[in-house]
N, C-alpha and C. Protein backbone atom coordinates (compact mmCIF):
# COMPACT_ATOMS: atom_id res chain seq x y z
N MET A 1 -15.60 15.44 7.01
CA MET A 1 -14.59 14.91 7.90
C MET A 1 -14.68 13.39 7.90
N THR A 2 -13.54 12.73 7.84
CA THR A 2 -13.47 11.29 7.85
C THR A 2 -13.04 10.81 9.22
N ARG A 3 -13.79 9.88 9.75
CA ARG A 3 -13.41 9.27 11.02
C ARG A 3 -13.38 7.77 10.82
N LEU A 4 -12.26 7.17 11.16
CA LEU A 4 -12.14 5.72 11.09
C LEU A 4 -11.55 5.25 12.39
N THR A 5 -12.34 4.57 13.19
CA THR A 5 -11.87 3.98 14.43
C THR A 5 -12.49 2.60 14.56
N GLY A 6 -11.89 1.77 15.36
CA GLY A 6 -12.43 0.44 15.58
C GLY A 6 -11.91 -0.57 14.57
N ARG A 7 -12.71 -1.58 14.29
CA ARG A 7 -12.31 -2.66 13.39
C ARG A 7 -12.10 -2.14 11.97
N ALA A 8 -11.04 -2.63 11.35
CA ALA A 8 -10.72 -2.23 9.98
C ALA A 8 -9.99 -3.38 9.30
N LEU A 9 -9.70 -3.19 8.03
CA LEU A 9 -8.95 -4.18 7.27
C LEU A 9 -7.71 -3.50 6.70
N ARG A 10 -6.56 -4.15 6.90
CA ARG A 10 -5.31 -3.62 6.36
C ARG A 10 -4.95 -4.43 5.12
N LEU A 11 -4.76 -3.74 4.03
CA LEU A 11 -4.34 -4.32 2.76
C LEU A 11 -2.87 -3.99 2.58
N THR A 12 -2.04 -5.01 2.42
CA THR A 12 -0.61 -4.80 2.17
C THR A 12 -0.27 -5.45 0.85
N VAL A 13 0.31 -4.68 -0.06
CA VAL A 13 0.73 -5.19 -1.36
C VAL A 13 2.25 -5.16 -1.40
N LEU A 14 2.86 -6.33 -1.60
CA LEU A 14 4.32 -6.43 -1.65
C LEU A 14 4.75 -6.65 -3.09
N VAL A 15 5.52 -5.70 -3.61
CA VAL A 15 6.00 -5.75 -4.99
C VAL A 15 7.46 -5.31 -5.01
N GLY A 16 8.04 -5.27 -6.19
CA GLY A 16 9.40 -4.78 -6.35
C GLY A 16 9.40 -3.30 -6.68
N GLU A 17 10.44 -2.62 -6.24
CA GLU A 17 10.56 -1.18 -6.47
C GLU A 17 10.56 -0.84 -7.96
N ASN A 18 11.08 -1.72 -8.79
CA ASN A 18 11.17 -1.45 -10.23
C ASN A 18 9.93 -1.88 -11.01
N ASP A 19 8.93 -2.46 -10.35
CA ASP A 19 7.70 -2.87 -11.04
C ASP A 19 6.96 -1.63 -11.52
N THR A 20 6.45 -1.69 -12.75
CA THR A 20 5.77 -0.52 -13.34
C THR A 20 4.42 -0.90 -13.90
N TRP A 21 3.62 0.13 -14.11
CA TRP A 21 2.33 0.03 -14.79
C TRP A 21 2.27 1.20 -15.75
N HIS A 22 2.31 0.90 -17.04
CA HIS A 22 2.30 1.94 -18.08
C HIS A 22 3.36 3.01 -17.82
N HIS A 23 4.59 2.57 -17.62
CA HIS A 23 5.77 3.44 -17.44
C HIS A 23 5.72 4.28 -16.16
N ARG A 24 4.89 3.90 -15.22
CA ARG A 24 4.79 4.60 -13.94
C ARG A 24 5.09 3.58 -12.84
N PRO A 25 5.75 3.99 -11.75
CA PRO A 25 5.99 3.01 -10.67
C PRO A 25 4.68 2.37 -10.20
N LEU A 26 4.67 1.06 -10.07
CA LEU A 26 3.46 0.35 -9.68
C LEU A 26 2.95 0.82 -8.33
N TYR A 27 3.86 1.07 -7.38
CA TYR A 27 3.41 1.53 -6.06
C TYR A 27 2.67 2.85 -6.17
N SER A 28 3.11 3.73 -7.05
CA SER A 28 2.44 5.02 -7.24
C SER A 28 1.05 4.84 -7.84
N GLU A 29 0.94 3.95 -8.79
CA GLU A 29 -0.36 3.68 -9.41
C GLU A 29 -1.36 3.15 -8.38
N ILE A 30 -0.90 2.26 -7.51
CA ILE A 30 -1.78 1.70 -6.48
C ILE A 30 -2.22 2.79 -5.50
N VAL A 31 -1.29 3.63 -5.06
CA VAL A 31 -1.64 4.71 -4.14
C VAL A 31 -2.65 5.66 -4.78
N HIS A 32 -2.43 6.03 -6.04
CA HIS A 32 -3.35 6.96 -6.70
C HIS A 32 -4.73 6.33 -6.91
N ARG A 33 -4.77 5.05 -7.20
CA ARG A 33 -6.07 4.37 -7.33
C ARG A 33 -6.79 4.28 -5.99
N ALA A 34 -6.04 4.03 -4.92
CA ALA A 34 -6.65 3.99 -3.58
C ALA A 34 -7.21 5.36 -3.21
N HIS A 35 -6.48 6.40 -3.56
CA HIS A 35 -6.95 7.78 -3.30
C HIS A 35 -8.22 8.06 -4.10
N ALA A 36 -8.20 7.71 -5.39
CA ALA A 36 -9.38 7.93 -6.25
C ALA A 36 -10.58 7.14 -5.77
N ALA A 37 -10.34 5.98 -5.14
CA ALA A 37 -11.43 5.16 -4.63
C ALA A 37 -11.96 5.68 -3.29
N GLY A 38 -11.32 6.72 -2.75
CA GLY A 38 -11.79 7.32 -1.51
C GLY A 38 -11.40 6.55 -0.25
N LEU A 39 -10.38 5.71 -0.35
CA LEU A 39 -9.96 4.96 0.83
C LEU A 39 -9.33 5.90 1.85
N ALA A 40 -9.34 5.49 3.11
CA ALA A 40 -8.93 6.36 4.21
C ALA A 40 -7.47 6.79 4.12
N GLY A 41 -6.59 5.92 3.64
CA GLY A 41 -5.19 6.29 3.55
C GLY A 41 -4.35 5.18 2.97
N ALA A 42 -3.18 5.56 2.44
CA ALA A 42 -2.23 4.59 1.89
C ALA A 42 -0.83 5.13 2.09
N SER A 43 0.10 4.24 2.37
CA SER A 43 1.51 4.61 2.53
C SER A 43 2.37 3.58 1.81
N VAL A 44 3.54 4.02 1.35
CA VAL A 44 4.49 3.14 0.69
C VAL A 44 5.74 3.07 1.54
N PHE A 45 6.22 1.86 1.78
CA PHE A 45 7.42 1.64 2.56
C PHE A 45 8.43 0.88 1.72
N ARG A 46 9.65 1.41 1.65
CA ARG A 46 10.71 0.78 0.87
C ARG A 46 11.52 -0.12 1.81
N GLY A 47 11.65 -1.37 1.41
CA GLY A 47 12.41 -2.32 2.21
C GLY A 47 13.90 -2.16 1.96
N ILE A 48 14.69 -2.62 2.91
CA ILE A 48 16.14 -2.55 2.74
C ILE A 48 16.72 -3.90 2.34
N GLU A 49 15.92 -4.95 2.49
CA GLU A 49 16.38 -6.27 2.06
C GLU A 49 15.18 -7.20 2.01
N GLY A 50 15.20 -8.14 1.08
CA GLY A 50 14.12 -9.11 1.01
C GLY A 50 14.24 -9.99 -0.21
N PHE A 51 13.38 -11.02 -0.27
CA PHE A 51 13.30 -11.88 -1.45
C PHE A 51 11.87 -12.34 -1.60
N GLY A 52 11.54 -12.74 -2.80
CA GLY A 52 10.19 -13.19 -3.08
C GLY A 52 10.21 -14.47 -3.89
N ALA A 53 9.29 -14.57 -4.86
CA ALA A 53 9.12 -15.79 -5.65
C ALA A 53 10.38 -16.15 -6.42
N SER A 54 11.18 -15.16 -6.80
CA SER A 54 12.40 -15.44 -7.58
C SER A 54 13.50 -16.05 -6.72
N SER A 55 13.38 -15.98 -5.42
CA SER A 55 14.37 -16.45 -4.45
C SER A 55 15.68 -15.67 -4.52
N LEU A 56 15.70 -14.56 -5.24
CA LEU A 56 16.88 -13.70 -5.26
C LEU A 56 16.77 -12.71 -4.11
N VAL A 57 17.83 -12.58 -3.33
CA VAL A 57 17.84 -11.64 -2.23
C VAL A 57 18.24 -10.27 -2.76
N HIS A 58 17.38 -9.28 -2.54
CA HIS A 58 17.65 -7.90 -2.95
C HIS A 58 18.00 -7.12 -1.68
N THR A 59 19.04 -6.33 -1.74
CA THR A 59 19.48 -5.61 -0.55
C THR A 59 19.96 -4.22 -0.90
N ALA A 60 19.90 -3.33 0.07
CA ALA A 60 20.34 -1.95 -0.11
C ALA A 60 21.77 -1.76 0.39
N ARG A 61 22.43 -2.85 0.78
CA ARG A 61 23.80 -2.71 1.28
C ARG A 61 24.70 -2.10 0.23
N LEU A 62 25.67 -1.34 0.67
CA LEU A 62 26.54 -0.55 -0.19
C LEU A 62 27.19 -1.34 -1.32
N LEU A 63 27.66 -2.54 -1.04
CA LEU A 63 28.39 -3.30 -2.05
C LEU A 63 27.48 -4.13 -2.95
N SER A 64 26.19 -4.08 -2.72
CA SER A 64 25.27 -4.87 -3.52
C SER A 64 24.94 -4.14 -4.82
N LEU A 65 24.73 -4.92 -5.87
CA LEU A 65 24.33 -4.34 -7.16
C LEU A 65 22.82 -4.29 -7.31
N SER A 66 22.10 -4.82 -6.34
CA SER A 66 20.65 -4.87 -6.43
C SER A 66 20.02 -3.49 -6.26
N GLU A 67 19.07 -3.21 -7.13
CA GLU A 67 18.33 -1.96 -7.01
C GLU A 67 16.83 -2.22 -6.91
N ASP A 68 16.40 -3.43 -7.20
CA ASP A 68 14.98 -3.75 -7.17
C ASP A 68 14.57 -4.18 -5.77
N LEU A 69 14.54 -3.21 -4.86
CA LEU A 69 14.24 -3.50 -3.46
C LEU A 69 12.75 -3.76 -3.26
N PRO A 70 12.40 -4.46 -2.18
CA PRO A 70 10.98 -4.71 -1.91
C PRO A 70 10.28 -3.42 -1.50
N VAL A 71 9.01 -3.31 -1.89
CA VAL A 71 8.18 -2.17 -1.55
C VAL A 71 6.86 -2.71 -1.00
N ALA A 72 6.40 -2.11 0.11
CA ALA A 72 5.11 -2.48 0.69
C ALA A 72 4.18 -1.28 0.61
N ILE A 73 3.02 -1.48 -0.02
CA ILE A 73 1.98 -0.46 -0.06
C ILE A 73 0.93 -0.88 0.96
N VAL A 74 0.67 -0.03 1.94
CA VAL A 74 -0.26 -0.38 3.02
C VAL A 74 -1.46 0.55 2.95
N VAL A 75 -2.64 -0.05 2.91
CA VAL A 75 -3.91 0.69 2.86
C VAL A 75 -4.77 0.20 4.01
N VAL A 76 -5.40 1.13 4.73
CA VAL A 76 -6.30 0.74 5.82
C VAL A 76 -7.63 1.46 5.65
N ASP A 77 -8.71 0.70 5.75
CA ASP A 77 -10.05 1.27 5.72
C ASP A 77 -11.00 0.20 6.24
N THR A 78 -12.29 0.44 6.13
CA THR A 78 -13.27 -0.56 6.55
C THR A 78 -13.13 -1.79 5.65
N GLU A 79 -13.54 -2.91 6.16
CA GLU A 79 -13.46 -4.15 5.38
C GLU A 79 -14.23 -4.02 4.07
N GLU A 80 -15.41 -3.45 4.12
CA GLU A 80 -16.24 -3.30 2.93
C GLU A 80 -15.52 -2.48 1.84
N ARG A 81 -14.91 -1.38 2.22
CA ARG A 81 -14.25 -0.51 1.24
C ARG A 81 -12.98 -1.14 0.68
N VAL A 82 -12.21 -1.82 1.54
CA VAL A 82 -10.98 -2.47 1.07
C VAL A 82 -11.32 -3.61 0.11
N ARG A 83 -12.31 -4.42 0.47
CA ARG A 83 -12.69 -5.54 -0.41
C ARG A 83 -13.26 -5.04 -1.74
N ALA A 84 -13.93 -3.92 -1.72
CA ALA A 84 -14.44 -3.34 -2.97
C ALA A 84 -13.29 -2.85 -3.86
N PHE A 85 -12.17 -2.49 -3.25
CA PHE A 85 -11.00 -2.00 -3.99
C PHE A 85 -10.17 -3.13 -4.58
N LEU A 86 -10.21 -4.31 -4.00
CA LEU A 86 -9.37 -5.44 -4.42
C LEU A 86 -9.39 -5.73 -5.92
N PRO A 87 -10.54 -5.72 -6.60
CA PRO A 87 -10.53 -6.02 -8.04
C PRO A 87 -9.64 -5.08 -8.87
N GLN A 88 -9.39 -3.88 -8.37
CA GLN A 88 -8.52 -2.95 -9.10
C GLN A 88 -7.07 -3.44 -9.10
N LEU A 89 -6.71 -4.30 -8.15
CA LEU A 89 -5.35 -4.81 -8.08
C LEU A 89 -5.09 -5.96 -9.06
N ASP A 90 -6.16 -6.64 -9.50
CA ASP A 90 -6.00 -7.81 -10.36
C ASP A 90 -5.14 -7.56 -11.60
N PRO A 91 -5.40 -6.50 -12.37
CA PRO A 91 -4.55 -6.29 -13.56
C PRO A 91 -3.18 -5.71 -13.22
N LEU A 92 -3.03 -5.14 -12.03
CA LEU A 92 -1.79 -4.45 -11.67
C LEU A 92 -0.71 -5.37 -11.10
N VAL A 93 -1.11 -6.24 -10.19
CA VAL A 93 -0.15 -7.06 -9.46
C VAL A 93 -0.05 -8.43 -10.12
N THR A 94 0.89 -8.54 -11.06
CA THR A 94 1.08 -9.82 -11.76
C THR A 94 2.12 -10.67 -11.06
N GLU A 95 3.04 -10.03 -10.34
CA GLU A 95 4.04 -10.75 -9.56
C GLU A 95 4.22 -10.00 -8.26
N GLY A 96 3.72 -10.56 -7.20
CA GLY A 96 3.77 -9.91 -5.91
C GLY A 96 2.88 -10.65 -4.95
N LEU A 97 2.65 -10.03 -3.82
CA LEU A 97 1.85 -10.67 -2.78
C LEU A 97 0.86 -9.65 -2.24
N VAL A 98 -0.39 -10.06 -2.09
CA VAL A 98 -1.42 -9.20 -1.54
C VAL A 98 -1.90 -9.84 -0.23
N LEU A 99 -1.80 -9.08 0.84
CA LEU A 99 -2.18 -9.58 2.16
C LEU A 99 -3.35 -8.78 2.72
N LEU A 100 -4.23 -9.46 3.43
CA LEU A 100 -5.34 -8.81 4.12
C LEU A 100 -5.26 -9.22 5.59
N ASP A 101 -5.28 -8.22 6.48
CA ASP A 101 -5.23 -8.47 7.91
C ASP A 101 -6.31 -7.65 8.60
N GLU A 102 -7.05 -8.30 9.51
CA GLU A 102 -7.95 -7.54 10.35
C GLU A 102 -7.10 -6.73 11.33
N CYS A 103 -7.52 -5.52 11.60
CA CYS A 103 -6.78 -4.68 12.54
C CYS A 103 -7.76 -3.77 13.26
N GLU A 104 -7.25 -3.05 14.21
CA GLU A 104 -8.06 -2.08 14.95
C GLU A 104 -7.42 -0.71 14.81
N VAL A 105 -8.19 0.24 14.36
CA VAL A 105 -7.71 1.61 14.25
C VAL A 105 -8.00 2.30 15.57
N VAL A 106 -6.97 2.83 16.20
CA VAL A 106 -7.13 3.49 17.47
C VAL A 106 -7.64 4.91 17.26
N ARG A 107 -7.05 5.61 16.27
CA ARG A 107 -7.51 6.97 16.02
C ARG A 107 -7.11 7.41 14.63
N TYR A 108 -8.07 7.85 13.86
CA TYR A 108 -7.81 8.47 12.57
C TYR A 108 -8.82 9.60 12.42
N LEU A 109 -8.33 10.80 12.30
CA LEU A 109 -9.21 11.94 12.09
C LEU A 109 -8.81 12.62 10.80
N GLY A 110 -9.75 12.82 9.91
CA GLY A 110 -9.47 13.55 8.69
C GLY A 110 -9.47 15.04 8.97
N ARG A 111 -9.12 15.80 7.97
CA ARG A 111 -9.13 17.26 8.10
C ARG A 111 -10.50 17.80 7.69
N ASP A 112 -10.92 18.87 8.37
CA ASP A 112 -12.20 19.46 8.01
C ASP A 112 -12.00 20.39 6.81
N ALA A 113 -13.03 21.03 6.36
CA ALA A 113 -12.98 21.88 5.17
C ALA A 113 -12.00 23.04 5.31
N ALA A 114 -11.75 23.50 6.54
CA ALA A 114 -10.84 24.62 6.75
C ALA A 114 -9.38 24.17 6.79
N GLY A 115 -9.16 22.85 6.71
CA GLY A 115 -7.81 22.34 6.72
C GLY A 115 -7.22 22.14 8.09
N GLU A 116 -8.02 22.28 9.15
CA GLU A 116 -7.54 22.10 10.50
C GLU A 116 -7.94 20.72 10.99
N GLU A 117 -7.13 20.17 11.87
CA GLU A 117 -7.47 18.87 12.42
C GLU A 117 -8.70 18.97 13.30
N SER A 118 -9.54 17.97 13.17
CA SER A 118 -10.75 17.94 13.98
C SER A 118 -10.42 17.43 15.37
N PRO A 119 -11.19 17.79 16.38
CA PRO A 119 -10.93 17.34 17.75
C PRO A 119 -11.19 15.85 17.92
């Protein structure tokens, strides 16, 4: 059972939806690497509008031709585990932004071996 409460580190990786790593979506590669590294959790959020280093505004509005929307991959775990994971991002994120924020986890309970939530 995994329990993560108290002080933690939030890793946010901001990339484009069309960014890839070996013909696979970059966000998917990052999530799978975080899972393989045993991190507590990762989620991907698709933005509806944004711009980055290119200064081009990408939007999901109906009349827009843009499809390369911003994507945020958010990972939360202990500072030690997140910092140990950071070197895996070096070859992956060639154009994007990596943010680290201290945060507090109020409640995270993993599932036990029977697949039921722990108390």
